[in-house]
Amino acid sequence: MSDEAGFTRMFHEHYEAVLRYAWRRVGPVEAADIAAETFKVAWEKYHRFPSGQPLPWLYATARNLISNAIRRDNRRDGLLWDGSLMLSDVEDDHAAGVAARQEALTALRSLSEADRELLLLMSWEGLDLRQAAAVVGCSRPTAAMRLHRARKRLSHLLAKDAPPIADRKPSFEGNSL
């Protein structure tokens, strides 16, 4: 199979996943550009491409492109980026489902960027621990430890007996990941 045919097959198999990944992090306006740039880099490096499962490599590339775009925009605009994900804000509604979703998103936003990224790679992107570790650039055991701690923090934030998130003081204990 030629490089072009292999790349085309990979593109068709993974483009939607990379687009969704970018969409959740930068929103719909920039997601298509990030996905396109990710596959441009993949094509340029296809001769050195990791064999087996390309999706973690594609996610890591998209993540790096997003980080570079944010740094570039910050330098250009002089804006400070708080590192939070571009999760859509939902207006408070009286429906229990909307309130629960909002509470979950708020809890997720209150985690460190490293914790959020690992949780989202495994839950939203469907990666296994080894793949998620490759995306964030750490070993599998390190990712397992970070994931355990992130889940514990998120569970604590979502605990029914915990004070409302808005009333909590930031805790930096254990957030040195």
N, C-alpha and C. Protein backbone atom coordinates (compact mmCIF):
# COMPACT_ATOMS: atom_id res chain seq x y z
N MET A 1 0.84 -1.18 0.00
CA MET A 1 0.00 0.00 0.00
C MET A 1 0.90 1.25 0.00
N SER A 2 0.56 2.18 -0.81
CA SER A 2 1.38 3.39 -0.92
C SER A 2 1.16 4.28 0.30
N ASP A 3 2.12 5.19 0.48
CA ASP A 3 1.98 6.16 1.57
C ASP A 3 0.69 6.95 1.44
N GLU A 4 0.38 7.35 0.23
CA GLU A 4 -0.82 8.16 0.02
C GLU A 4 -2.09 7.39 0.38
N ALA A 5 -2.18 6.14 -0.01
CA ALA A 5 -3.35 5.33 0.30
C ALA A 5 -3.46 5.08 1.80
N GLY A 6 -2.34 4.79 2.44
CA GLY A 6 -2.34 4.58 3.89
C GLY A 6 -2.73 5.83 4.64
N PHE A 7 -2.19 6.95 4.20
CA PHE A 7 -2.53 8.21 4.84
C PHE A 7 -4.01 8.53 4.65
N THR A 8 -4.51 8.32 3.44
CA THR A 8 -5.92 8.59 3.15
C THR A 8 -6.82 7.74 4.04
N ARG A 9 -6.47 6.47 4.19
CA ARG A 9 -7.26 5.60 5.05
C ARG A 9 -7.22 6.10 6.50
N MET A 10 -6.04 6.48 6.99
CA MET A 10 -5.91 7.00 8.34
C MET A 10 -6.72 8.28 8.51
N PHE A 11 -6.67 9.15 7.51
CA PHE A 11 -7.42 10.39 7.56
C PHE A 11 -8.92 10.11 7.71
N HIS A 12 -9.44 9.22 6.88
CA HIS A 12 -10.87 8.89 6.93
C HIS A 12 -11.26 8.24 8.26
N GLU A 13 -10.37 7.46 8.82
CA GLU A 13 -10.66 6.78 10.09
C GLU A 13 -10.62 7.72 11.29
N HIS A 14 -9.77 8.75 11.26
CA HIS A 14 -9.51 9.52 12.47
C HIS A 14 -9.84 11.01 12.39
N TYR A 15 -10.21 11.51 11.24
CA TYR A 15 -10.46 12.95 11.12
C TYR A 15 -11.55 13.42 12.08
N GLU A 16 -12.67 12.72 12.13
CA GLU A 16 -13.78 13.14 12.99
C GLU A 16 -13.37 13.17 14.46
N ALA A 17 -12.59 12.18 14.90
CA ALA A 17 -12.14 12.14 16.29
C ALA A 17 -11.23 13.32 16.60
N VAL A 18 -10.32 13.64 15.70
CA VAL A 18 -9.42 14.78 15.91
C VAL A 18 -10.22 16.10 15.90
N LEU A 19 -11.19 16.20 15.00
CA LEU A 19 -12.03 17.40 14.94
C LEU A 19 -12.81 17.57 16.25
N ARG A 20 -13.41 16.49 16.77
CA ARG A 20 -14.14 16.57 18.04
C ARG A 20 -13.21 16.97 19.18
N TYR A 21 -12.01 16.40 19.19
CA TYR A 21 -11.01 16.74 20.21
C TYR A 21 -10.73 18.24 20.19
N ALA A 22 -10.46 18.77 19.00
CA ALA A 22 -10.17 20.20 18.87
C ALA A 22 -11.39 21.04 19.22
N TRP A 23 -12.56 20.61 18.80
CA TRP A 23 -13.80 21.35 19.04
C TRP A 23 -14.01 21.56 20.54
N ARG A 24 -13.79 20.51 21.32
CA ARG A 24 -14.02 20.60 22.77
C ARG A 24 -12.99 21.50 23.43
N ARG A 25 -11.86 21.74 22.80
CA ARG A 25 -10.82 22.54 23.43
C ARG A 25 -10.76 23.98 22.94
N VAL A 26 -11.08 24.21 21.68
CA VAL A 26 -10.99 25.58 21.15
C VAL A 26 -12.30 26.09 20.58
N GLY A 27 -13.33 25.27 20.54
CA GLY A 27 -14.61 25.69 20.01
C GLY A 27 -14.71 25.46 18.51
N PRO A 28 -15.90 25.68 17.98
CA PRO A 28 -16.16 25.34 16.58
C PRO A 28 -15.43 26.21 15.56
N VAL A 29 -15.11 27.43 15.91
CA VAL A 29 -14.51 28.34 14.94
C VAL A 29 -13.11 27.88 14.54
N GLU A 30 -12.32 27.44 15.50
CA GLU A 30 -10.93 27.08 15.23
C GLU A 30 -10.70 25.58 15.09
N ALA A 31 -11.69 24.77 15.41
CA ALA A 31 -11.50 23.32 15.44
C ALA A 31 -11.09 22.76 14.07
N ALA A 32 -11.75 23.20 13.01
CA ALA A 32 -11.43 22.68 11.68
C ALA A 32 -9.99 23.02 11.28
N ASP A 33 -9.55 24.22 11.64
CA ASP A 33 -8.17 24.61 11.32
C ASP A 33 -7.16 23.74 12.08
N ILE A 34 -7.44 23.48 13.35
CA ILE A 34 -6.55 22.63 14.14
C ILE A 34 -6.51 21.22 13.57
N ALA A 35 -7.68 20.68 13.21
CA ALA A 35 -7.72 19.32 12.64
C ALA A 35 -6.96 19.28 11.32
N ALA A 36 -7.16 20.28 10.47
CA ALA A 36 -6.46 20.31 9.18
C ALA A 36 -4.95 20.41 9.39
N GLU A 37 -4.53 21.26 10.30
CA GLU A 37 -3.09 21.42 10.57
C GLU A 37 -2.51 20.13 11.15
N THR A 38 -3.28 19.44 11.98
CA THR A 38 -2.83 18.17 12.55
C THR A 38 -2.53 17.16 11.45
N PHE A 39 -3.44 17.07 10.48
CA PHE A 39 -3.21 16.12 9.39
C PHE A 39 -2.15 16.60 8.41
N LYS A 40 -1.93 17.88 8.32
CA LYS A 40 -0.83 18.39 7.51
C LYS A 40 0.50 17.94 8.11
N VAL A 41 0.62 18.08 9.43
CA VAL A 41 1.83 17.63 10.12
C VAL A 41 1.97 16.12 9.98
N ALA A 42 0.85 15.41 10.11
CA ALA A 42 0.88 13.95 9.97
C ALA A 42 1.37 13.55 8.58
N TRP A 43 0.94 14.25 7.55
CA TRP A 43 1.38 13.94 6.19
C TRP A 43 2.87 14.21 6.04
N GLU A 44 3.32 15.34 6.58
CA GLU A 44 4.73 15.69 6.48
C GLU A 44 5.62 14.67 7.20
N LYS A 45 5.11 14.07 8.26
CA LYS A 45 5.91 13.13 9.05
C LYS A 45 5.46 11.69 8.85
N TYR A 46 4.67 11.45 7.83
CA TYR A 46 4.08 10.12 7.64
C TYR A 46 5.13 9.04 7.46
N HIS A 47 6.26 9.34 6.84
CA HIS A 47 7.32 8.35 6.66
C HIS A 47 7.95 7.93 7.99
N ARG A 48 7.79 8.75 9.03
CA ARG A 48 8.31 8.43 10.37
C ARG A 48 7.18 8.17 11.35
N PHE A 49 6.00 7.98 10.84
CA PHE A 49 4.80 7.87 11.66
C PHE A 49 4.84 6.62 12.53
N PRO A 50 4.36 6.71 13.78
CA PRO A 50 4.36 5.53 14.64
C PRO A 50 3.41 4.46 14.09
N SER A 51 3.87 3.24 14.07
CA SER A 51 3.02 2.17 13.56
C SER A 51 1.99 1.79 14.62
N GLY A 52 0.97 1.12 14.20
CA GLY A 52 -0.05 0.68 15.14
C GLY A 52 -1.19 1.66 15.24
N GLN A 53 -1.32 2.29 16.38
CA GLN A 53 -2.44 3.18 16.64
C GLN A 53 -2.02 4.64 16.48
N PRO A 54 -2.45 5.29 15.42
CA PRO A 54 -2.03 6.67 15.18
C PRO A 54 -2.82 7.70 15.99
N LEU A 55 -3.98 7.34 16.54
CA LEU A 55 -4.82 8.34 17.20
C LEU A 55 -4.14 9.06 18.36
N PRO A 56 -3.45 8.37 19.27
CA PRO A 56 -2.75 9.12 20.33
C PRO A 56 -1.74 10.12 19.78
N TRP A 57 -1.02 9.74 18.72
CA TRP A 57 -0.07 10.66 18.11
C TRP A 57 -0.81 11.87 17.53
N LEU A 58 -1.93 11.63 16.88
CA LEU A 58 -2.72 12.73 16.30
C LEU A 58 -3.24 13.65 17.40
N TYR A 59 -3.73 13.08 18.50
CA TYR A 59 -4.20 13.91 19.63
C TYR A 59 -3.06 14.74 20.21
N ALA A 60 -1.88 14.12 20.38
CA ALA A 60 -0.74 14.86 20.92
C ALA A 60 -0.35 16.00 19.98
N THR A 61 -0.39 15.76 18.68
CA THR A 61 -0.08 16.80 17.71
C THR A 61 -1.10 17.92 17.79
N ALA A 62 -2.39 17.57 17.85
CA ALA A 62 -3.45 18.58 17.96
C ALA A 62 -3.29 19.37 19.25
N ARG A 63 -2.96 18.69 20.32
CA ARG A 63 -2.76 19.36 21.62
C ARG A 63 -1.63 20.38 21.52
N ASN A 64 -0.53 19.98 20.89
CA ASN A 64 0.60 20.91 20.72
C ASN A 64 0.22 22.09 19.84
N LEU A 65 -0.52 21.84 18.78
CA LEU A 65 -0.96 22.94 17.90
C LEU A 65 -1.88 23.91 18.64
N ILE A 66 -2.76 23.38 19.46
CA ILE A 66 -3.65 24.23 20.25
C ILE A 66 -2.84 25.08 21.22
N SER A 67 -1.88 24.46 21.89
CA SER A 67 -1.01 25.21 22.82
C SER A 67 -0.24 26.30 22.09
N ASN A 68 0.30 25.98 20.93
CA ASN A 68 1.04 26.98 20.15
C ASN A 68 0.13 28.12 19.72
N ALA A 69 -1.09 27.81 19.30
CA ALA A 69 -2.03 28.85 18.87
C ALA A 69 -2.39 29.75 20.04
N ILE A 70 -2.57 29.18 21.20
CA ILE A 70 -2.92 29.97 22.39
C ILE A 70 -1.77 30.89 22.75
N ARG A 71 -0.55 30.34 22.75
CA ARG A 71 0.61 31.20 23.06
C ARG A 71 0.76 32.31 22.02
N ARG A 72 0.57 31.98 20.75
CA ARG A 72 0.67 32.98 19.69
C ARG A 72 -0.39 34.08 19.88
N ASP A 73 -1.61 33.67 20.17
CA ASP A 73 -2.67 34.65 20.39
C ASP A 73 -2.40 35.51 21.61
N ASN A 74 -1.88 34.90 22.65
CA ASN A 74 -1.57 35.65 23.87
C ASN A 74 -0.48 36.69 23.61
N ARG A 75 0.53 36.28 22.86
CA ARG A 75 1.58 37.25 22.54
C ARG A 75 1.03 38.38 21.68
N ARG A 76 0.23 38.01 20.69
CA ARG A 76 -0.31 39.01 19.77
C ARG A 76 -1.26 39.96 20.49
N ASP A 77 -2.15 39.42 21.26
CA ASP A 77 -3.18 40.25 21.89
C ASP A 77 -2.80 40.75 23.27
N GLY A 78 -1.75 40.17 23.85
CA GLY A 78 -1.38 40.58 25.20
C GLY A 78 -2.39 40.11 26.24
N LEU A 79 -3.15 39.10 25.90
CA LEU A 79 -4.17 38.60 26.82
C LEU A 79 -3.59 37.50 27.69
N LEU A 80 -4.13 37.34 28.85
CA LEU A 80 -3.76 36.23 29.71
C LEU A 80 -4.77 35.12 29.52
N TRP A 81 -4.27 33.94 29.32
CA TRP A 81 -5.15 32.78 29.18
C TRP A 81 -5.11 32.02 30.49
N ASP A 82 -6.27 31.68 31.03
CA ASP A 82 -6.31 31.03 32.33
C ASP A 82 -6.14 29.52 32.27
N GLY A 83 -5.95 28.96 31.06
CA GLY A 83 -5.72 27.54 30.94
C GLY A 83 -6.97 26.69 30.99
N SER A 84 -8.11 27.32 31.09
CA SER A 84 -9.34 26.53 31.16
C SER A 84 -9.76 26.09 29.78
N LEU A 85 -10.51 25.01 29.74
CA LEU A 85 -11.04 24.52 28.48
C LEU A 85 -12.16 25.42 28.01
N MET A 86 -12.40 25.40 26.73
CA MET A 86 -13.48 26.18 26.16
C MET A 86 -14.79 25.40 26.29
N LEU A 87 -15.14 25.08 27.53
CA LEU A 87 -16.38 24.37 27.75
C LEU A 87 -17.51 25.39 27.73
N SER A 88 -18.55 25.07 27.03
CA SER A 88 -19.63 26.03 26.87
C SER A 88 -20.32 26.27 28.20
N ASP A 89 -20.64 27.52 28.46
CA ASP A 89 -21.39 27.87 29.64
C ASP A 89 -22.86 27.66 29.35
N VAL A 90 -23.52 27.03 30.26
CA VAL A 90 -24.95 26.80 30.12
C VAL A 90 -25.63 27.68 31.15
N GLU A 91 -26.61 28.43 30.72
CA GLU A 91 -27.33 29.26 31.67
C GLU A 91 -28.02 28.35 32.67
N ASP A 92 -28.05 28.81 33.93
CA ASP A 92 -28.73 28.03 34.95
C ASP A 92 -30.18 27.83 34.56
N ASP A 93 -30.64 26.63 34.76
CA ASP A 93 -32.01 26.27 34.44
C ASP A 93 -32.56 25.54 35.65
N HIS A 94 -33.84 25.51 35.76
CA HIS A 94 -34.44 24.84 36.91
C HIS A 94 -34.49 23.34 36.73
N ALA A 95 -34.23 22.86 35.56
CA ALA A 95 -34.24 21.42 35.32
C ALA A 95 -33.05 20.77 36.02
N ALA A 96 -33.31 19.67 36.68
CA ALA A 96 -32.27 19.00 37.45
C ALA A 96 -31.12 18.54 36.55
N GLY A 97 -31.42 18.11 35.35
CA GLY A 97 -30.38 17.64 34.45
C GLY A 97 -29.42 18.73 34.05
N VAL A 98 -29.94 19.91 33.76
CA VAL A 98 -29.09 21.03 33.37
C VAL A 98 -28.24 21.48 34.55
N ALA A 99 -28.84 21.50 35.73
CA ALA A 99 -28.09 21.90 36.92
C ALA A 99 -26.97 20.91 37.22
N ALA A 100 -27.26 19.63 37.07
CA ALA A 100 -26.23 18.62 37.32
C ALA A 100 -25.10 18.74 36.31
N ARG A 101 -25.44 18.99 35.04
CA ARG A 101 -24.41 19.16 34.01
C ARG A 101 -23.54 20.37 34.32
N GLN A 102 -24.18 21.45 34.71
CA GLN A 102 -23.44 22.67 35.02
C GLN A 102 -22.50 22.44 36.20
N GLU A 103 -22.98 21.74 37.21
CA GLU A 103 -22.14 21.44 38.38
C GLU A 103 -20.95 20.58 37.97
N ALA A 104 -21.18 19.62 37.10
CA ALA A 104 -20.10 18.75 36.64
C ALA A 104 -19.07 19.54 35.83
N LEU A 105 -19.54 20.41 34.94
CA LEU A 105 -18.61 21.22 34.15
C LEU A 105 -17.83 22.18 35.03
N THR A 106 -18.48 22.74 36.02
CA THR A 106 -17.80 23.64 36.95
C THR A 106 -16.74 22.89 37.73
N ALA A 107 -17.08 21.69 38.19
CA ALA A 107 -16.11 20.87 38.92
C ALA A 107 -14.93 20.53 38.01
N LEU A 108 -15.22 20.18 36.77
CA LEU A 108 -14.17 19.86 35.82
C LEU A 108 -13.26 21.06 35.58
N ARG A 109 -13.84 22.24 35.43
CA ARG A 109 -13.04 23.46 35.22
C ARG A 109 -12.16 23.79 36.41
N SER A 110 -12.58 23.38 37.61
CA SER A 110 -11.81 23.73 38.80
C SER A 110 -10.59 22.84 38.99
N LEU A 111 -10.50 21.76 38.22
CA LEU A 111 -9.31 20.91 38.28
C LEU A 111 -8.15 21.58 37.55
N SER A 112 -6.96 21.11 37.82
CA SER A 112 -5.80 21.65 37.11
C SER A 112 -5.88 21.24 35.64
N GLU A 113 -5.16 21.94 34.80
CA GLU A 113 -5.16 21.63 33.36
C GLU A 113 -4.69 20.20 33.11
N ALA A 114 -3.67 19.77 33.84
CA ALA A 114 -3.15 18.41 33.67
C ALA A 114 -4.20 17.36 34.05
N ASP A 115 -4.90 17.59 35.16
CA ASP A 115 -5.95 16.66 35.57
C ASP A 115 -7.08 16.61 34.55
N ARG A 116 -7.51 17.77 34.10
CA ARG A 116 -8.59 17.85 33.10
C ARG A 116 -8.22 17.11 31.84
N GLU A 117 -7.02 17.36 31.35
CA GLU A 117 -6.59 16.76 30.09
C GLU A 117 -6.61 15.24 30.17
N LEU A 118 -6.08 14.69 31.23
CA LEU A 118 -6.03 13.24 31.38
C LEU A 118 -7.44 12.66 31.49
N LEU A 119 -8.29 13.28 32.30
CA LEU A 119 -9.67 12.79 32.42
C LEU A 119 -10.42 12.86 31.09
N LEU A 120 -10.26 13.96 30.36
CA LEU A 120 -10.97 14.13 29.10
C LEU A 120 -10.45 13.17 28.02
N LEU A 121 -9.17 12.94 28.00
CA LEU A 121 -8.62 12.00 27.02
C LEU A 121 -9.20 10.60 27.22
N MET A 122 -9.39 10.23 28.47
CA MET A 122 -9.89 8.88 28.73
C MET A 122 -11.41 8.80 28.65
N SER A 123 -12.11 9.82 29.11
CA SER A 123 -13.57 9.72 29.11
C SER A 123 -14.19 10.22 27.81
N TRP A 124 -13.80 11.38 27.32
CA TRP A 124 -14.42 11.94 26.11
C TRP A 124 -13.79 11.38 24.85
N GLU A 125 -12.48 11.20 24.86
CA GLU A 125 -11.80 10.73 23.65
C GLU A 125 -11.73 9.21 23.58
N GLY A 126 -11.98 8.53 24.70
CA GLY A 126 -12.02 7.07 24.71
C GLY A 126 -10.66 6.39 24.62
N LEU A 127 -9.61 7.09 25.00
CA LEU A 127 -8.28 6.47 24.96
C LEU A 127 -8.09 5.57 26.17
N ASP A 128 -7.24 4.57 26.03
CA ASP A 128 -6.88 3.78 27.20
C ASP A 128 -5.72 4.50 27.90
N LEU A 129 -5.34 3.98 29.05
CA LEU A 129 -4.33 4.66 29.87
C LEU A 129 -3.00 4.81 29.14
N ARG A 130 -2.57 3.77 28.43
CA ARG A 130 -1.30 3.83 27.69
C ARG A 130 -1.34 4.93 26.63
N GLN A 131 -2.45 5.00 25.90
CA GLN A 131 -2.59 6.01 24.85
C GLN A 131 -2.64 7.42 25.44
N ALA A 132 -3.39 7.59 26.52
CA ALA A 132 -3.49 8.91 27.16
C ALA A 132 -2.13 9.34 27.70
N ALA A 133 -1.37 8.39 28.25
CA ALA A 133 -0.03 8.71 28.75
C ALA A 133 0.85 9.20 27.61
N ALA A 134 0.73 8.58 26.44
CA ALA A 134 1.52 9.00 25.28
C ALA A 134 1.14 10.41 24.86
N VAL A 135 -0.14 10.75 24.92
CA VAL A 135 -0.57 12.09 24.51
C VAL A 135 -0.02 13.15 25.45
N VAL A 136 -0.10 12.92 26.76
CA VAL A 136 0.36 13.93 27.71
C VAL A 136 1.85 13.87 27.97
N GLY A 137 2.52 12.86 27.42
CA GLY A 137 3.98 12.81 27.51
C GLY A 137 4.51 12.30 28.84
N CYS A 138 3.88 11.28 29.39
CA CYS A 138 4.40 10.69 30.63
C CYS A 138 4.30 9.17 30.53
N SER A 139 4.85 8.49 31.51
CA SER A 139 4.81 7.03 31.50
C SER A 139 3.42 6.55 31.91
N ARG A 140 3.13 5.29 31.62
CA ARG A 140 1.84 4.72 31.99
C ARG A 140 1.63 4.73 33.51
N PRO A 141 2.64 4.33 34.33
CA PRO A 141 2.44 4.38 35.78
C PRO A 141 2.19 5.81 36.30
N THR A 142 2.89 6.78 35.74
CA THR A 142 2.67 8.17 36.14
C THR A 142 1.25 8.60 35.78
N ALA A 143 0.81 8.25 34.57
CA ALA A 143 -0.54 8.59 34.15
C ALA A 143 -1.57 7.92 35.04
N ALA A 144 -1.32 6.68 35.44
CA ALA A 144 -2.26 5.97 36.32
C ALA A 144 -2.38 6.69 37.66
N MET A 145 -1.24 7.12 38.21
CA MET A 145 -1.27 7.84 39.48
C MET A 145 -2.01 9.17 39.33
N ARG A 146 -1.70 9.90 38.25
CA ARG A 146 -2.35 11.19 38.03
C ARG A 146 -3.84 11.03 37.83
N LEU A 147 -4.23 9.97 37.08
CA LEU A 147 -5.64 9.71 36.84
C LEU A 147 -6.36 9.39 38.15
N HIS A 148 -5.75 8.56 38.97
CA HIS A 148 -6.35 8.22 40.27
C HIS A 148 -6.59 9.48 41.10
N ARG A 149 -5.58 10.32 41.17
CA ARG A 149 -5.70 11.57 41.95
C ARG A 149 -6.73 12.52 41.35
N ALA A 150 -6.76 12.61 40.02
CA ALA A 150 -7.74 13.50 39.37
C ALA A 150 -9.16 13.02 39.62
N ARG A 151 -9.37 11.72 39.51
CA ARG A 151 -10.71 11.18 39.78
C ARG A 151 -11.12 11.41 41.22
N LYS A 152 -10.16 11.27 42.12
CA LYS A 152 -10.43 11.51 43.54
C LYS A 152 -10.82 12.97 43.78
N ARG A 153 -10.09 13.90 43.15
CA ARG A 153 -10.41 15.32 43.29
C ARG A 153 -11.79 15.63 42.72
N LEU A 154 -12.06 15.09 41.54
CA LEU A 154 -13.35 15.33 40.90
C LEU A 154 -14.47 14.74 41.74
N SER A 155 -14.27 13.56 42.26
CA SER A 155 -15.27 12.93 43.11
C SER A 155 -15.54 13.79 44.34
N HIS A 156 -14.48 14.32 44.93
CA HIS A 156 -14.64 15.19 46.10
C HIS A 156 -15.42 16.46 45.72
N LEU A 157 -15.11 17.03 44.58
CA LEU A 157 -15.80 18.24 44.15
C LEU A 157 -17.28 17.99 43.88
N LEU A 158 -17.61 16.79 43.45
CA LEU A 158 -18.99 16.47 43.12
C LEU A 158 -19.76 15.82 44.28
N ALA A 159 -19.09 15.63 45.40
CA ALA A 159 -19.73 14.98 46.55
C ALA A 159 -20.95 15.79 46.99
N LYS A 160 -22.01 15.08 47.30
CA LYS A 160 -23.27 15.73 47.68
C LYS A 160 -23.14 16.54 48.96
N ASP A 161 -22.27 16.10 49.88
CA ASP A 161 -22.15 16.81 51.15
C ASP A 161 -21.08 17.91 51.10
N ALA A 162 -20.45 18.10 49.96
CA ALA A 162 -19.44 19.15 49.82
C ALA A 162 -20.12 20.50 49.68
N PRO A 163 -19.47 21.57 50.12
CA PRO A 163 -20.07 22.89 49.94
C PRO A 163 -20.17 23.23 48.46
N PRO A 164 -21.08 24.11 48.07
CA PRO A 164 -21.18 24.50 46.66
C PRO A 164 -19.83 24.96 46.14
N ILE A 165 -19.54 24.64 44.90
CA ILE A 165 -18.24 24.94 44.31
C ILE A 165 -17.90 26.42 44.40
N ALA A 166 -18.89 27.28 44.21
CA ALA A 166 -18.64 28.72 44.25
C ALA A 166 -18.17 29.17 45.62
N ASP A 167 -18.55 28.43 46.69
CA ASP A 167 -18.19 28.81 48.05
C ASP A 167 -16.86 28.22 48.51
N ARG A 168 -16.26 27.39 47.71
CA ARG A 168 -15.01 26.73 48.11
C ARG A 168 -13.82 27.62 47.84
N LYS A 169 -12.86 27.52 48.73
CA LYS A 169 -11.60 28.22 48.52
C LYS A 169 -10.71 27.30 47.71
N PRO A 170 -9.89 27.87 46.80
CA PRO A 170 -9.02 27.03 46.01
C PRO A 170 -8.07 26.24 46.89
N SER A 171 -7.89 24.98 46.57
CA SER A 171 -6.96 24.14 47.30
C SER A 171 -5.80 23.80 46.37
N PHE A 172 -4.60 24.07 46.86
CA PHE A 172 -3.43 23.79 46.04
C PHE A 172 -2.74 22.53 46.52
N GLU A 173 -3.29 21.91 47.57
CA GLU A 173 -2.71 20.69 48.12
C GLU A 173 -2.85 19.57 47.10
N GLY A 174 -1.77 18.98 46.74
CA GLY A 174 -1.79 17.85 45.81
C GLY A 174 -1.95 18.24 44.34
N ASN A 175 -1.99 19.52 44.04
CA ASN A 175 -2.16 19.94 42.65
C ASN A 175 -0.83 20.24 41.97
N SER A 176 0.22 19.62 42.43
CA SER A 176 1.53 19.90 41.86
C SER A 176 1.85 19.03 40.67
N LEU A 177 0.83 18.45 40.05
CA LEU A 177 1.06 17.56 38.90
C LEU A 177 1.47 18.33 37.70
